[in-house]
PDB file of N, CA and C in Angstrom:
ATOM      1  N   UNK A   1       0.854  -1.079  -0.057  1.00  0.00           N
ATOM      2  CA  UNK A   1       0.247  -0.147   0.126  1.00  0.00           C
ATOM      3  C   UNK A   1       1.096   1.118  -0.146  1.00  0.00           C
ATOM      4  N   UNK A   2       0.261   2.288  -0.413  1.00  0.00           N
ATOM      5  CA  UNK A   2       1.234   3.576  -0.659  1.00  0.00           C
ATOM      6  C   UNK A   2       0.749   4.314   0.190  1.00  0.00           C
ATOM      7  N   UNK A   3       1.724   5.101   0.916  1.00  0.00           N
ATOM      8  CA  UNK A   3       1.478   5.903   1.983  1.00  0.00           C
ATOM      9  C   UNK A   3       1.187   7.125   2.158  1.00  0.00           C
ATOM     10  N   UNK A   4       0.407   8.165   2.197  1.00  0.00           N
ATOM     11  CA  UNK A   4       0.495  10.076   1.558  1.00  0.00           C
ATOM     12  C   UNK A   4       2.078  10.165   3.065  1.00  0.00           C
ATOM     13  N   UNK A   5       2.544  11.293   1.774  1.00  0.00           N
ATOM     14  CA  UNK A   5       3.084  11.481   2.419  1.00  0.00           C
ATOM     15  C   UNK A   5       2.903  12.701   3.431  1.00  0.00           C
ATOM     16  N   UNK A   6       3.495  13.040   4.865  1.00  0.00           N
ATOM     17  CA  UNK A   6       2.833  13.920   5.327  1.00  0.00           C
ATOM     18  C   UNK A   6       3.795  15.177   5.621  1.00  0.00           C
ATOM     19  N   UNK A   7       4.034  15.904   6.323  1.00  0.00           N
ATOM     20  CA  UNK A   7       5.049  17.330   6.159  1.00  0.00           C
ATOM     21  C   UNK A   7       5.852  16.813   6.545  1.00  0.00           C
ATOM     22  N   UNK A   8       6.167  15.918   7.813  1.00  0.00           N
ATOM     23  CA  UNK A   8       7.518  15.438   8.450  1.00  0.00           C
ATOM     24  C   UNK A   8       8.011  14.566   7.255  1.00  0.00           C
ATOM     25  N   UNK A   9       7.765  14.247   7.109  1.00  0.00           N
ATOM     26  CA  UNK A   9       7.788  12.990   5.561  1.00  0.00           C
ATOM     27  C   UNK A   9       8.538  14.462   4.010  1.00  0.00           C
ATOM     28  N   UNK A  10       8.221  15.496   4.469  1.00  0.00           N
ATOM     29  CA  UNK A  10       8.967  16.605   3.218  1.00  0.00           C
ATOM     30  C   UNK A  10      10.008  17.371   3.983  1.00  0.00           C
ATOM     31  N   UNK A  11       9.729  17.396   5.322  1.00  0.00           N
ATOM     32  CA  UNK A  11      10.858  18.690   5.815  1.00  0.00           C
ATOM     33  C   UNK A  11      12.587  18.415   5.262  1.00  0.00           C
ATOM     34  N   UNK A  12      12.619  16.861   5.893  1.00  0.00           N
ATOM     35  CA  UNK A  12      13.710  16.993   5.519  1.00  0.00           C
ATOM     36  C   UNK A  12      15.066  16.729   4.316  1.00  0.00           C
ATOM     37  N   UNK A  13      13.714  16.945   3.350  1.00  0.00           N
ATOM     38  CA  UNK A  13      14.641  16.996   1.446  1.00  0.00           C
ATOM     39  C   UNK A  13      13.795  18.437   1.525  1.00  0.00           C
ATOM     40  N   UNK A  14      13.416  19.172   2.249  1.00  0.00           N
ATOM     41  CA  UNK A  14      13.856  20.734   2.428  1.00  0.00           C
ATOM     42  C   UNK A  14      14.871  21.457   2.566  1.00  0.00           C
ATOM     43  N   UNK A  15      15.298  20.680   3.627  1.00  0.00           N
ATOM     44  CA  UNK A  15      16.686  21.164   4.589  1.00  0.00           C
ATOM     45  C   UNK A  15      17.470  20.841   3.436  1.00  0.00           C
ATOM     46  N   UNK A  16      17.911  19.676   3.154  1.00  0.00           N
ATOM     47  CA  UNK A  16      18.727  19.201   2.202  1.00  0.00           C
ATOM     48  C   UNK A  16      18.355  20.668   0.736  1.00  0.00           C
ATOM     49  N   UNK A  17      17.369  20.840   0.723  1.00  0.00           N
ATOM     50  CA  UNK A  17      17.762  21.367  -0.977  1.00  0.00           C
ATOM     51  C   UNK A  17      18.003  23.205  -0.116  1.00  0.00           C
ATOM     52  N   UNK A  18      17.808  23.157   0.958  1.00  0.00           N
ATOM     53  CA  UNK A  18      18.328  24.427   1.548  1.00  0.00           C
ATOM     54  C   UNK A  18      19.679  24.613   1.866  1.00  0.00           C
ATOM     55  N   UNK A  19      20.416  23.489   2.303  1.00  0.00           N
ATOM     56  CA  UNK A  19      22.309  23.256   2.415  1.00  0.00           C
ATOM     57  C   UNK A  19      22.287  23.182   0.917  1.00  0.00           C
ATOM     58  N   UNK A  20      22.213  23.025  -0.227  1.00  0.00           N
ATOM     59  CA  UNK A  20      21.957  22.842  -1.386  1.00  0.00           C
ATOM     60  C   UNK A  20      22.762  24.510  -2.274  1.00  0.00           C
ATOM     61  N   UNK A  21      20.954  24.905  -1.663  1.00  0.00           N
ATOM     62  CA  UNK A  21      21.131  26.077  -2.558  1.00  0.00           C
ATOM     63  C   UNK A  21      21.975  27.193  -1.891  1.00  0.00           C
ATOM     64  N   UNK A  22      22.413  26.595  -0.653  1.00  0.00           N
ATOM     65  CA  UNK A  22      23.608  28.110   0.470  1.00  0.00           C
ATOM     66  C   UNK A  22      24.500  27.588   0.312  1.00  0.00           C
ATOM     67  N   UNK A  23      25.113  26.242  -0.570  1.00  0.00           N
ATOM     68  CA  UNK A  23      26.488  25.748  -0.786  1.00  0.00           C
ATOM     69  C   UNK A  23      26.751  26.050  -2.369  1.00  0.00           C
ATOM     70  N   UNK A  24      25.554  26.327  -3.141  1.00  0.00           N
ATOM     71  CA  UNK A  24      25.586  26.789  -4.488  1.00  0.00           C
ATOM     72  C   UNK A  24      25.921  28.738  -4.232  1.00  0.00           C
ATOM     73  N   UNK A  25      25.796  28.986  -3.510  1.00  0.00           N
ATOM     74  CA  UNK A  25      25.965  30.450  -3.373  1.00  0.00           C
ATOM     75  C   UNK A  25      27.118  30.880  -2.878  1.00  0.00           C
ATOM     76  N   UNK A  26      27.684  29.926  -1.788  1.00  0.00           N
ATOM     77  CA  UNK A  26      28.587  30.065  -1.199  1.00  0.00           C
ATOM     78  C   UNK A  26      30.276  29.262  -2.211  1.00  0.00           C
ATOM     79  N   UNK A  27      30.144  28.716  -2.911  1.00  0.00           N
ATOM     80  CA  UNK A  27      31.175  28.223  -3.924  1.00  0.00           C
ATOM     81  C   UNK A  27      30.804  29.233  -5.565  1.00  0.00           C
ATOM     82  N   UNK A  28      29.582  30.200  -5.629  1.00  0.00           N
ATOM     83  CA  UNK A  28      29.830  31.590  -6.390  1.00  0.00           C
ATOM     84  C   UNK A  28      30.604  32.215  -5.422  1.00  0.00           C
ATOM     85  N   UNK A  29      30.360  32.207  -4.436  1.00  0.00           N
ATOM     86  CA  UNK A  29      31.365  33.237  -4.309  1.00  0.00           C
ATOM     87  C   UNK A  29      32.990  33.362  -3.709  1.00  0.00           C
ATOM     88  N   UNK A  30      33.174  32.024  -3.875  1.00  0.00           N
ATOM     89  CA  UNK A  30      34.503  31.350  -3.440  1.00  0.00           C
ATOM     90  C   UNK A  30      35.266  31.834  -4.722  1.00  0.00           C
ATOM     91  N   UNK A  31      34.346  31.841  -5.875  1.00  0.00           N
ATOM     92  CA  UNK A  31      35.134  31.773  -7.105  1.00  0.00           C
ATOM     93  C   UNK A  31      34.459  32.683  -7.737  1.00  0.00           C
ATOM     94  N   UNK A  32      34.403  33.997  -7.247  1.00  0.00           N
ATOM     95  CA  UNK A  32      34.234  35.040  -7.813  1.00  0.00           C
ATOM     96  C   UNK A  32      35.220  34.792  -7.080  1.00  0.00           C
ATOM     97  N   UNK A  33      36.048  35.514  -5.892  1.00  0.00           N
ATOM     98  CA  UNK A  33      37.082  35.855  -5.454  1.00  0.00           C
ATOM     99  C   UNK A  33      38.263  35.353  -5.785  1.00  0.00           C
ATOM    100  N   UNK A  34      38.242  34.352  -7.021  1.00  0.00           N
ATOM    101  CA  UNK A  34      38.962  34.369  -7.706  1.00  0.00           C
ATOM    102  C   UNK A  34      39.864  35.082  -8.954  1.00  0.00           C
ATOM    103  N   UNK A  35      38.682  35.436  -9.162  1.00  0.00           N
ATOM    104  CA  UNK A  35      38.726  36.345 -10.762  1.00  0.00           C
ATOM    105  C   UNK A  35      39.884  37.264 -10.665  1.00  0.00           C
ATOM    106  N   UNK A  36      40.180  37.231 -11.646  1.00  0.00           N
ATOM    107  CA  UNK A  36      41.216  37.915 -12.108  1.00  0.00           C
ATOM    108  C   UNK A  36      40.648  39.688 -13.021  1.00  0.00           C
ATOM    109  N   UNK A  37      39.822  40.673 -12.524  1.00  0.00           N
ATOM    110  CA  UNK A  37      39.465  41.282 -13.255  1.00  0.00           C
ATOM    111  C   UNK A  37      40.071  42.228 -13.494  1.00  0.00           C
ATOM    112  N   UNK A  38      39.824  42.819 -15.173  1.00  0.00           N
ATOM    113  CA  UNK A  38      41.411  43.511 -15.747  1.00  0.00           C
ATOM    114  C   UNK A  38      41.108  45.231 -15.544  1.00  0.00           C
ATOM    115  N   UNK A  39      42.428  45.661 -16.070  1.00  0.00           N
ATOM    116  CA  UNK A  39      42.584  47.698 -15.785  1.00  0.00           C
ATOM    117  C   UNK A  39      41.802  47.936 -16.217  1.00  0.00           C
ATOM    118  N   UNK A  40      41.535  49.365 -15.536  1.00  0.00           N
ATOM    119  CA  UNK A  40      40.443  50.566 -16.694  1.00  0.00           C
ATOM    120  C   UNK A  40      41.199  50.465 -17.781  1.00  0.00           C
ATOM    121  N   UNK A  41      42.473  50.700 -17.817  1.00  0.00           N
ATOM    122  CA  UNK A  41      42.786  51.088 -19.515  1.00  0.00           C
ATOM    123  C   UNK A  41      42.501  49.392 -20.192  1.00  0.00           C
ATOM    124  N   UNK A  42      43.063  48.089 -19.812  1.00  0.00           N
ATOM    125  CA  UNK A  42      42.695  46.521 -20.653  1.00  0.00           C
ATOM    126  C   UNK A  42      41.173  46.894 -20.868  1.00  0.00           C
ATOM    127  N   UNK A  43      40.406  47.271 -20.475  1.00  0.00           N
ATOM    128  CA  UNK A  43      39.206  47.466 -20.098  1.00  0.00           C
ATOM    129  C   UNK A  43      38.520  47.882 -21.563  1.00  0.00           C
ATOM    130  N   UNK A  44      39.291  49.332 -21.574  1.00  0.00           N
ATOM    131  CA  UNK A  44      39.165  50.652 -22.339  1.00  0.00           C
ATOM    132  C   UNK A  44      39.804  49.971 -24.092  1.00  0.00           C
ATOM    133  N   UNK A  45      40.637  49.060 -24.033  1.00  0.00           N
ATOM    134  CA  UNK A  45      41.455  48.410 -25.271  1.00  0.00           C
ATOM    135  C   UNK A  45      40.727  47.883 -25.382  1.00  0.00           C
ATOM    136  N   UNK A  46      40.215  46.664 -24.453  1.00  0.00           N
ATOM    137  CA  UNK A  46      38.893  46.035 -25.626  1.00  0.00           C
ATOM    138  C   UNK A  46      38.199  46.193 -25.817  1.00  0.00           C
ATOM    139  N   UNK A  47      37.361  46.625 -25.426  1.00  0.00           N
ATOM    140  CA  UNK A  47      36.284  47.453 -26.050  1.00  0.00           C
ATOM    141  C   UNK A  47      36.249  48.276 -27.172  1.00  0.00           C
ATOM    142  N   UNK A  48      36.705  48.920 -27.373  1.00  0.00           N
ATOM    143  CA  UNK A  48      37.758  49.632 -28.683  1.00  0.00           C
ATOM    144  C   UNK A  48      37.989  48.184 -29.787  1.00  0.00           C
ATOM    145  N   UNK A  49      38.718  47.791 -29.246  1.00  0.00           N
ATOM    146  CA  UNK A  49      39.119  46.434 -30.662  1.00  0.00           C
ATOM    147  C   UNK A  49      37.884  45.537 -30.638  1.00  0.00           C
ATOM    148  N   UNK A  50      36.501  45.317 -29.735  1.00  0.00           N
ATOM    149  CA  UNK A  50      35.584  44.532 -30.504  1.00  0.00           C
ATOM    150  C   UNK A  50      34.415  45.915 -31.547  1.00  0.00           C
ATOM    151  N   UNK A  51      34.747  47.254 -31.007  1.00  0.00           N
ATOM    152  CA  UNK A  51      34.069  47.944 -31.553  1.00  0.00           C
ATOM    153  C   UNK A  51      33.697  47.891 -33.117  1.00  0.00           C
ATOM    154  N   UNK A  52      36.083  48.276 -32.933  1.00  0.00           N
ATOM    155  CA  UNK A  52      36.201  48.253 -34.376  1.00  0.00           C
ATOM    156  C   UNK A  52      36.248  46.884 -35.253  1.00  0.00           C
ATOM    157  N   UNK A  53      35.992  45.820 -34.504  1.00  0.00           N
ATOM    158  CA  UNK A  53      36.080  44.748 -35.473  1.00  0.00           C
ATOM    159  C   UNK A  53      34.448  44.397 -35.349  1.00  0.00           C
ATOM    160  N   UNK A  54      33.820  44.699 -34.718  1.00  0.00           N
ATOM    161  CA  UNK A  54      32.017  45.107 -35.697  1.00  0.00           C
ATOM    162  C   UNK A  54      31.723  45.887 -36.440  1.00  0.00           C
ATOM    163  N   UNK A  55      32.734  46.877 -36.618  1.00  0.00           N
ATOM    164  CA  UNK A  55      32.461  47.884 -37.504  1.00  0.00           C
ATOM    165  C   UNK A  55      32.633  46.849 -38.916  1.00  0.00           C
ATOM    166  N   UNK A  56      34.051  46.849 -38.571  1.00  0.00           N
ATOM    167  CA  UNK A  56      34.239  46.298 -40.134  1.00  0.00           C
ATOM    168  C   UNK A  56      33.584  44.512 -40.351  1.00  0.00           C
ATOM    169  N   UNK A  57      32.698  44.111 -39.557  1.00  0.00           N
ATOM    170  CA  UNK A  57      32.405  42.467 -39.739  1.00  0.00           C
ATOM    171  C   UNK A  57      31.437  43.215 -41.062  1.00  0.00           C
ATOM    172  N   UNK A  58      30.577  44.879 -40.366  1.00  0.00           N
ATOM    173  CA  UNK A  58      29.119  45.008 -40.697  1.00  0.00           C
ATOM    174  C   UNK A  58      29.388  45.846 -41.728  1.00  0.00           C
ATOM    175  N   UNK A  59      30.508  46.504 -42.257  1.00  0.00           N
ATOM    176  CA  UNK A  59      30.747  46.627 -43.098  1.00  0.00           C
ATOM    177  C   UNK A  59      31.040  45.745 -44.204  1.00  0.00           C
ATOM    178  N   UNK A  60      31.428  45.068 -44.372  1.00  0.00           N
ATOM    179  CA  UNK A  60      32.333  43.781 -45.181  1.00  0.00           C
ATOM    180  C   UNK A  60      30.181  43.750 -45.803  1.00  0.00           C
ATOM    181  N   UNK A  61      29.629  43.039 -43.979  1.00  0.00           N
ATOM    182  CA  UNK A  61      28.077  41.804 -44.693  1.00  0.00           C
ATOM    183  C   UNK A  61      27.615  43.533 -45.028  1.00  0.00           C
ATOM    184  N   UNK A  62      27.705  44.724 -45.485  1.00  0.00           N
ATOM    185  CA  UNK A  62      26.975  45.850 -46.039  1.00  0.00           C
ATOM    186  C   UNK A  62      27.335  45.339 -47.439  1.00  0.00           C
ATOM    187  N   UNK A  63      29.049  45.554 -47.836  1.00  0.00           N
ATOM    188  CA  UNK A  63      28.934  45.395 -49.189  1.00  0.00           C
ATOM    189  C   UNK A  63      29.027  44.038 -49.827  1.00  0.00           C
ATOM    190  N   UNK A  64      28.946  42.764 -48.995  1.00  0.00           N
ATOM    191  CA  UNK A  64      29.018  41.440 -49.518  1.00  0.00           C
ATOM    192  C   UNK A  64      27.485  40.806 -50.073  1.00  0.00           C
ATOM    193  N   UNK A  65      26.474  41.830 -49.431  1.00  0.00           N
ATOM    194  CA  UNK A  65      24.849  41.745 -49.156  1.00  0.00           C
ATOM    195  C   UNK A  65      24.553  42.804 -51.073  1.00  0.00           C
ATOM    196  N   UNK A  66      25.364  43.972 -50.819  1.00  0.00           N
ATOM    197  CA  UNK A  66      25.111  45.334 -52.316  1.00  0.00           C
ATOM    198  C   UNK A  66      25.073  44.186 -52.896  1.00  0.00           C
ATOM    199  N   UNK A  67      25.923  43.845 -53.031  1.00  0.00           N
ATOM    200  CA  UNK A  67      26.765  42.777 -54.689  1.00  0.00           C
ATOM    201  C   UNK A  67      26.222  41.518 -54.729  1.00  0.00           C
ATOM    202  N   UNK A  68      25.845  41.315 -54.137  1.00  0.00           N
ATOM    203  CA  UNK A  68      24.911  39.735 -54.172  1.00  0.00           C
ATOM    204  C   UNK A  68      23.535  40.674 -54.267  1.00  0.00           C
ATOM    205  N   UNK A  69      23.102  41.208 -54.380  1.00  0.00           N
ATOM    206  CA  UNK A  69      21.882  41.874 -54.915  1.00  0.00           C
ATOM    207  C   UNK A  69      21.991  42.197 -55.684  1.00  0.00           C
ATOM    208  N   UNK A  70      23.151  43.199 -56.053  1.00  0.00           N
ATOM    209  CA  UNK A  70      23.504  43.802 -57.945  1.00  0.00           C
ATOM    210  C   UNK A  70      23.312  43.145 -58.889  1.00  0.00           C
ATOM    211  N   UNK A  71      23.476  40.838 -58.067  1.00  0.00           N
ATOM    212  CA  UNK A  71      23.945  40.620 -58.926  1.00  0.00           C
ATOM    213  C   UNK A  71      22.537  39.900 -59.298  1.00  0.00           C
ATOM    214  N   UNK A  72      21.817  39.760 -58.314  1.00  0.00           N
ATOM    215  CA  UNK A  72      21.109  38.698 -58.142  1.00  0.00           C
ATOM    216  C   UNK A  72      19.899  39.753 -59.057  1.00  0.00           C
ATOM    217  N   UNK A  73      19.591  40.909 -59.331  1.00  0.00           N
ATOM    218  CA  UNK A  73      18.685  41.917 -59.662  1.00  0.00           C
ATOM    219  C   UNK A  73      18.816  41.977 -61.439  1.00  0.00           C
ATOM    220  N   UNK A  74      19.761  41.905 -61.384  1.00  0.00           N
ATOM    221  CA  UNK A  74      20.770  41.489 -62.708  1.00  0.00           C
ATOM    222  C   UNK A  74      20.350  40.295 -63.888  1.00  0.00           C
ATOM    223  N   UNK A  75      20.542  38.785 -62.804  1.00  0.00           N
ATOM    224  CA  UNK A  75      20.801  37.908 -63.728  1.00  0.00           C
ATOM    225  C   UNK A  75      19.107  37.581 -63.819  1.00  0.00           C
ATOM    226  N   UNK A  76      17.493  37.651 -62.599  1.00  0.00           N
ATOM    227  CA  UNK A  76      16.627  37.585 -62.589  1.00  0.00           C
ATOM    228  C   UNK A  76      15.749  38.846 -63.277  1.00  0.00           C
TER     229      UNK A  76
END
């Protein structure tokens, strides 16, 4: 026969879940303390590189799209 689970049966699993959640956030804090954060100058340099590469990629996609569109209009 199956017996119904009461509150007393559920309490240990809730405590285990609470312990797991607390352990997770404790581990997150420990790992975040290990992170080497970039200096302000390094961050600005990296940001500039990302922006320049994005602009170059956007320009390339624009030129390629324009060329393909022109060729397809001529063919079709």
